[in-house]
Amino acid sequence: MEACYSQDEFNVSSYKATFMVITSLQAFAGMGINAFVVSVLCIGLVKKKTFNSNEKILLFLGCSRFWFLCITWVYYFLAIIYPQCFNVRPIPQLFAAFQNFFNSSNLWVSACLCIFYCIKIVNFRYIFFIYLKAKIDRIVPWLLLGSVLLSLVISILAYNFTDETHYNNSTKFGNFWKLDLRTDQRYFPLVFISGFEFATAFLTVILSALPLLFSLWRHKCKMQTNSEKTLSMDVNIKVIKSVLAFLIIYTINFTCLVLTLIYATKNESLLLFLILVFQYAFPALHSLILIFSNPKLEKTLLKTLHYVKGKVCMR
């Protein structure tokens, strides 16, 4: 019996160590990438004294992702090193509120970016669409404000739910430090609201990305028919690849979010381990896609890497 217990304890410790190493690599890589995006945009703001709509969305997205990864990493670090702190009110409530706020902001601002690109690039001749194209720069601040308000509502609900829910004094790795709920009925309202939020954001992305891909593909075929091999066509193909990549990883992230809700109260450590690894890779991967699809960010990144490489070689 003691041998079995020791083996189980060893397995749990192995899960903890492995999960912490992987999430640390993901978190620091993601924070570095998003800090780079924010710093480049802020330097541009100092020089130009103004932001365009695309840069406003990217700045907000970079900030929300940076803080989401930072708070998430601190949360898991404390859960392993000092789990007793989660028995002190209001530490778990604050973590739940901040994590949900920045995660929700990440989802909604990503959707706003997709909407922005769709309206800016797609050439539909409908009156309403033409009106949106003319007014999109004025609409963007309202989209961002709406994202903040929705995220704030989710964070308040998460705080209240965490505060009202009873959980054990001991933190279990088996369910990845989710609340050990006594009844599923108390968990259902938060699951329903979170699921509705995830589904709405995902549907928004799909309804924006598919017309965008259709328009870009039609434009590419038109240029091929006219035998136009220009820089514009290369840019068009690059944008198609970027949108497709974003759609794929956003779909994977949405699936992981839904699975997290399903398995949050079940002792499925290995499965939830894999789900969370994929989920926390999304902020870094999408930000990389945004960097390489933005000429200004890509050029600055290449210059930075070249400078760092030169400094390392000199040593």
Protein backbone atom coordinates (compact mmCIF):
# COMPACT_ATOMS: atom_id res chain seq x y z
CA MET A 1 0.00 0.00 0.00
CA GLU A 2 2.87 2.35 0.86
CA ALA A 3 4.60 1.48 -2.42
CA CYS A 4 1.44 2.40 -4.38
CA TYR A 5 1.11 5.65 -2.53
CA SER A 6 4.75 6.53 -3.16
CA GLN A 7 4.37 5.75 -6.85
CA ASP A 8 1.24 7.93 -7.08
CA GLU A 9 3.00 10.71 -5.25
CA PHE A 10 5.93 10.41 -7.64
CA ASN A 11 3.60 10.58 -10.66
CA VAL A 12 1.90 13.70 -9.31
CA SER A 13 5.29 15.33 -8.69
CA SER A 14 6.37 14.43 -12.22
CA TYR A 15 3.21 15.98 -13.65
CA LYS A 16 3.82 19.12 -11.62
CA ALA A 17 7.43 19.47 -12.71
CA THR A 18 6.71 18.74 -16.36
CA PHE A 19 3.74 21.08 -16.47
CA MET A 20 5.69 23.86 -14.76
CA VAL A 21 8.62 23.58 -17.17
CA ILE A 22 6.39 23.62 -20.26
CA THR A 23 4.16 26.45 -19.04
CA SER A 24 7.20 28.47 -17.99
CA LEU A 25 8.70 28.18 -21.46
CA GLN A 26 5.37 29.08 -23.06
CA ALA A 27 4.71 31.95 -20.67
CA PHE A 28 8.12 33.61 -20.97
CA ALA A 29 8.21 33.15 -24.74
CA GLY A 30 4.69 34.57 -25.06
CA MET A 31 5.43 37.48 -22.71
CA GLY A 32 8.60 38.28 -24.64
CA ILE A 33 6.81 38.21 -28.00
CA ASN A 34 3.91 40.36 -26.83
CA ALA A 35 6.21 42.75 -24.95
CA PHE A 36 8.10 43.19 -28.24
CA VAL A 37 4.85 44.06 -30.08
CA VAL A 38 3.83 46.56 -27.38
CA SER A 39 7.28 48.19 -27.22
CA VAL A 40 7.50 48.63 -31.02
CA LEU A 41 4.03 50.17 -31.13
CA CYS A 42 4.80 52.50 -28.19
CA ILE A 43 8.07 53.63 -29.82
CA GLY A 44 6.07 54.32 -32.99
CA LEU A 45 3.58 56.34 -30.94
CA VAL A 46 6.39 58.49 -29.52
CA LYS A 47 7.69 59.18 -33.03
CA LYS A 48 4.35 59.71 -34.84
CA LYS A 49 2.31 61.04 -31.89
CA THR A 50 -0.67 59.03 -33.15
CA PHE A 51 -2.05 55.49 -33.56
CA ASN A 52 -4.01 54.07 -36.46
CA SER A 53 -6.90 51.67 -35.78
CA ASN A 54 -4.83 48.54 -36.49
CA GLU A 55 -2.14 49.63 -34.05
CA LYS A 56 -4.72 50.37 -31.35
CA ILE A 57 -6.06 46.82 -31.58
CA LEU A 58 -2.58 45.28 -31.66
CA LEU A 59 -1.48 47.32 -28.63
CA PHE A 60 -4.51 46.30 -26.60
CA LEU A 61 -4.11 42.67 -27.70
CA GLY A 62 -0.41 42.60 -26.81
CA CYS A 63 -1.05 44.07 -23.34
CA SER A 64 -3.90 41.68 -22.52
CA ARG A 65 -1.89 38.64 -23.64
CA PHE A 66 1.22 39.72 -21.74
CA TRP A 67 -0.68 40.09 -18.46
CA PHE A 68 -2.73 36.93 -19.03
CA LEU A 69 0.43 34.86 -19.44
CA CYS A 70 2.13 36.60 -16.52
CA ILE A 71 -0.75 36.09 -14.07
CA THR A 72 -1.33 32.52 -15.24
CA TRP A 73 2.33 31.63 -14.74
CA VAL A 74 2.35 33.17 -11.23
CA TYR A 75 -0.85 31.26 -10.43
CA TYR A 76 0.57 27.85 -11.36
CA PHE A 77 3.93 28.65 -9.77
CA LEU A 78 2.26 29.42 -6.44
CA ALA A 79 -0.03 26.38 -6.78
CA ILE A 80 3.06 24.16 -6.88
CA ILE A 81 5.48 25.99 -4.57
CA TYR A 82 3.11 27.46 -2.01
CA PRO A 83 -0.44 26.06 -2.45
CA GLN A 84 -1.46 27.11 1.08
CA CYS A 85 -1.74 30.73 -0.08
CA PHE A 86 -4.92 29.82 -1.98
CA ASN A 87 -6.61 29.20 1.36
CA VAL A 88 -6.25 32.90 2.15
CA ARG A 89 -9.08 35.12 1.04
CA PRO A 90 -9.13 36.91 -1.43
CA ILE A 91 -6.11 35.43 -3.26
CA PRO A 92 -8.02 32.75 -5.27
CA GLN A 93 -10.82 35.22 -6.00
CA LEU A 94 -8.40 37.81 -7.39
CA PHE A 95 -6.58 35.25 -9.51
CA ALA A 96 -9.89 34.01 -10.93
CA ALA A 97 -11.01 37.57 -11.71
CA PHE A 98 -7.76 38.70 -13.38
CA GLN A 99 -7.26 35.48 -15.33
CA ASN A 100 -10.80 35.58 -16.68
CA PHE A 101 -10.56 39.28 -17.51
CA PHE A 102 -7.38 39.00 -19.56
CA ASN A 103 -8.36 35.69 -21.15
CA SER A 104 -11.70 37.18 -22.19
CA SER A 105 -9.94 40.30 -23.48
CA ASN A 106 -7.60 38.09 -25.49
CA LEU A 107 -10.53 36.32 -27.15
CA TRP A 108 -12.61 39.41 -27.87
CA VAL A 109 -9.80 41.66 -29.09
CA SER A 110 -8.64 38.84 -31.42
CA ALA A 111 -12.20 38.78 -32.77
CA CYS A 112 -12.15 42.58 -33.11
CA LEU A 113 -8.92 42.36 -35.13
CA CYS A 114 -10.53 39.81 -37.44
CA ILE A 115 -13.60 42.06 -37.87
CA PHE A 116 -11.34 45.04 -38.63
CA TYR A 117 -9.40 43.16 -41.32
CA CYS A 118 -12.62 41.83 -42.81
CA ILE A 119 -14.21 45.28 -43.14
CA LYS A 120 -10.99 46.91 -44.37
CA ILE A 121 -10.04 44.31 -46.99
CA VAL A 122 -13.23 42.67 -48.26
CA ASN A 123 -14.76 44.40 -51.30
CA PHE A 124 -18.48 43.77 -50.99
CA ARG A 125 -20.82 46.23 -52.70
CA TYR A 126 -23.57 46.17 -50.11
CA ILE A 127 -24.58 49.61 -48.77
CA PHE A 128 -24.24 48.58 -45.12
CA PHE A 129 -20.78 47.12 -45.73
CA ILE A 130 -19.64 50.29 -47.54
CA TYR A 131 -20.92 52.32 -44.59
CA LEU A 132 -18.94 50.16 -42.14
CA LYS A 133 -15.79 50.52 -44.26
CA ALA A 134 -16.10 54.30 -44.12
CA LYS A 135 -16.79 54.35 -40.37
CA ILE A 136 -14.48 51.54 -39.18
CA ASP A 137 -11.87 53.87 -37.68
CA ARG A 138 -14.56 55.39 -35.46
CA ILE A 139 -16.03 51.98 -34.63
CA VAL A 140 -12.73 50.44 -33.41
CA PRO A 141 -12.62 52.34 -30.05
CA TRP A 142 -16.19 51.21 -29.36
CA LEU A 143 -15.28 47.61 -30.19
CA LEU A 144 -12.37 47.79 -27.75
CA LEU A 145 -14.57 49.39 -25.10
CA GLY A 146 -17.16 46.64 -25.60
CA SER A 147 -14.43 44.02 -25.21
CA VAL A 148 -13.31 45.59 -21.91
CA LEU A 149 -16.86 45.76 -20.55
CA LEU A 150 -17.64 42.14 -21.49
CA SER A 151 -14.36 40.99 -19.96
CA LEU A 152 -15.11 42.99 -16.82
CA VAL A 153 -18.52 41.32 -16.46
CA ILE A 154 -16.92 37.87 -16.81
CA SER A 155 -14.23 38.72 -14.26
CA ILE A 156 -16.80 39.96 -11.72
CA LEU A 157 -18.85 36.78 -12.16
CA ALA A 158 -15.70 34.67 -11.74
CA TYR A 159 -14.75 36.57 -8.56
CA ASN A 160 -18.21 36.16 -7.03
CA PHE A 161 -18.41 32.51 -8.03
CA THR A 162 -14.99 31.73 -6.55
CA ASP A 163 -15.90 33.62 -3.39
CA GLU A 164 -19.19 31.74 -2.91
CA THR A 165 -18.03 28.27 -3.87
CA HIS A 166 -16.83 25.85 -1.22
CA TYR A 167 -13.57 24.03 -1.96
CA ASN A 168 -11.16 21.81 -0.04
CA ASN A 169 -8.26 23.26 1.89
CA SER A 170 -5.77 21.11 -0.02
CA THR A 171 -4.90 21.97 -3.60
CA LYS A 172 -5.07 18.98 -5.90
CA PHE A 173 -2.96 18.62 -9.01
CA GLY A 174 -5.36 16.04 -10.39
CA ASN A 175 -7.76 18.70 -11.58
CA PHE A 176 -5.08 21.33 -12.21
CA TRP A 177 -6.00 23.46 -9.24
CA LYS A 178 -9.56 24.07 -10.42
CA LEU A 179 -12.17 24.44 -7.73
CA ASP A 180 -13.10 21.17 -6.09
CA LEU A 181 -16.85 21.72 -6.31
CA ARG A 182 -19.35 19.89 -4.15
CA THR A 183 -22.17 20.09 -6.67
CA ASP A 184 -22.29 20.50 -10.43
CA GLN A 185 -25.38 22.71 -10.08
CA ARG A 186 -23.34 25.55 -8.59
CA TYR A 187 -20.81 25.20 -11.38
CA PHE A 188 -23.37 25.24 -14.20
CA PRO A 189 -24.08 29.03 -14.37
CA LEU A 190 -20.38 29.89 -14.80
CA VAL A 191 -19.95 27.08 -17.36
CA PHE A 192 -22.96 28.30 -19.31
CA ILE A 193 -21.86 31.95 -19.33
CA SER A 194 -18.25 31.09 -20.21
CA GLY A 195 -19.35 28.66 -22.90
CA PHE A 196 -21.69 31.26 -24.40
CA GLU A 197 -18.86 33.80 -24.42
CA PHE A 198 -16.43 31.37 -26.10
CA ALA A 199 -19.02 30.34 -28.69
CA THR A 200 -19.98 33.94 -29.50
CA ALA A 201 -16.36 35.03 -29.95
CA PHE A 202 -15.63 31.96 -32.10
CA LEU A 203 -18.72 32.56 -34.26
CA THR A 204 -17.66 36.20 -34.70
CA VAL A 205 -14.23 35.10 -35.91
CA ILE A 206 -15.70 32.54 -38.32
CA LEU A 207 -18.18 35.04 -39.80
CA SER A 208 -15.34 37.54 -40.28
CA ALA A 209 -12.58 35.22 -41.46
CA LEU A 210 -14.52 33.23 -44.07
CA PRO A 211 -15.66 36.29 -46.14
CA LEU A 212 -12.12 37.66 -45.82
CA LEU A 213 -10.59 34.43 -47.15
CA PHE A 214 -13.17 34.27 -49.94
CA SER A 215 -12.43 37.84 -51.02
CA LEU A 216 -8.65 37.36 -50.91
CA TRP A 217 -8.85 34.09 -52.81
CA ARG A 218 -11.10 35.64 -55.48
CA HIS A 219 -8.67 38.54 -55.87
CA LYS A 220 -5.75 36.12 -56.18
CA CYS A 221 -7.52 34.09 -58.87
CA LYS A 222 -8.33 37.28 -60.75
CA MET A 223 -4.68 38.33 -60.77
CA GLN A 224 -3.63 34.85 -61.92
CA THR A 225 -6.16 34.96 -64.75
CA ASN A 226 -4.73 38.29 -65.88
CA SER A 227 -1.20 36.84 -65.59
CA GLU A 228 -0.25 39.45 -63.01
CA LYS A 229 2.77 38.34 -61.02
CA THR A 230 3.31 41.40 -58.86
CA LEU A 231 4.27 42.29 -55.32
CA SER A 232 0.57 42.81 -54.64
CA MET A 233 -0.12 39.16 -55.42
CA ASP A 234 2.66 38.00 -53.10
CA VAL A 235 1.24 40.15 -50.31
CA ASN A 236 -2.21 38.75 -51.05
CA ILE A 237 -0.98 35.17 -50.71
CA LYS A 238 0.86 36.05 -47.47
CA VAL A 239 -2.33 37.52 -45.99
CA ILE A 240 -4.32 34.40 -46.99
CA LYS A 241 -1.79 32.19 -45.21
CA SER A 242 -1.88 34.41 -42.12
CA VAL A 243 -5.68 34.37 -41.92
CA LEU A 244 -5.78 30.60 -42.41
CA ALA A 245 -3.16 30.07 -39.71
CA PHE A 246 -5.08 32.33 -37.33
CA LEU A 247 -8.34 30.52 -38.06
CA ILE A 248 -6.75 27.13 -37.37
CA ILE A 249 -5.12 28.07 -34.06
CA TYR A 250 -8.20 30.02 -32.94
CA THR A 251 -10.30 26.90 -33.60
CA ILE A 252 -7.85 24.79 -31.60
CA ASN A 253 -7.92 27.35 -28.78
CA PHE A 254 -11.74 27.39 -28.78
CA THR A 255 -11.80 23.59 -28.61
CA CYS A 256 -9.35 23.64 -25.69
CA LEU A 257 -11.45 26.22 -23.84
CA VAL A 258 -14.59 24.11 -24.22
CA LEU A 259 -12.74 20.95 -23.12
CA THR A 260 -11.36 22.82 -20.11
CA LEU A 261 -14.90 23.63 -19.02
CA ILE A 262 -15.95 19.99 -19.49
CA TYR A 263 -13.04 18.46 -17.57
CA ALA A 264 -12.55 21.20 -14.96
CA THR A 265 -14.23 19.19 -12.21
CA LYS A 266 -12.94 15.77 -13.24
CA ASN A 267 -9.76 14.08 -12.21
CA GLU A 268 -8.31 13.83 -15.74
CA SER A 269 -4.84 15.21 -15.12
CA LEU A 270 -3.07 14.01 -18.27
CA LEU A 271 -5.86 15.06 -20.63
CA LEU A 272 -6.29 18.46 -18.98
CA PHE A 273 -2.49 18.81 -18.98
CA LEU A 274 -2.44 18.52 -22.80
CA ILE A 275 -5.47 20.79 -23.20
CA LEU A 276 -3.88 23.57 -21.14
CA VAL A 277 -0.55 23.25 -22.97
CA PHE A 278 -2.30 23.83 -26.31
CA GLN A 279 -4.46 26.59 -24.85
CA TYR A 280 -1.55 28.62 -23.45
CA ALA A 281 0.38 28.31 -26.73
CA PHE A 282 -2.28 30.40 -28.52
CA PRO A 283 -1.20 33.90 -27.30
CA ALA A 284 2.39 33.36 -28.45
CA LEU A 285 1.61 31.65 -31.77
CA HIS A 286 -0.98 34.19 -32.90
CA SER A 287 1.26 37.11 -31.92
CA LEU A 288 4.05 35.58 -34.02
CA ILE A 289 1.66 35.36 -36.97
CA LEU A 290 0.75 39.02 -36.48
CA ILE A 291 4.42 40.03 -36.38
CA PHE A 292 5.29 38.25 -39.64
CA SER A 293 2.17 39.57 -41.37
CA ASN A 294 2.96 43.16 -40.36
CA PRO A 295 5.87 44.67 -42.38
CA LYS A 296 6.80 47.15 -39.65
CA LEU A 297 6.88 44.56 -36.86
CA GLU A 298 8.63 41.96 -39.05
CA LYS A 299 11.32 44.43 -40.12
CA THR A 300 11.94 45.53 -36.53
CA LEU A 301 12.12 41.91 -35.32
CA LEU A 302 14.63 40.96 -38.01
CA LYS A 303 16.75 44.01 -37.17
CA THR A 304 16.64 43.13 -33.48
CA LEU A 305 17.61 39.50 -34.11
CA HIS A 306 20.42 40.60 -36.42
CA TYR A 307 21.69 43.03 -33.75
CA VAL A 308 21.55 40.38 -31.01
CA LYS A 309 23.25 37.84 -33.28
CA GLY A 310 26.04 40.34 -33.98
CA LYS A 311 26.56 41.02 -30.28
CA VAL A 312 26.70 37.30 -29.49
CA CYS A 313 29.20 36.63 -32.30
CA MET A 314 31.43 39.47 -31.10
CA ARG A 315 31.69 37.79 -27.71
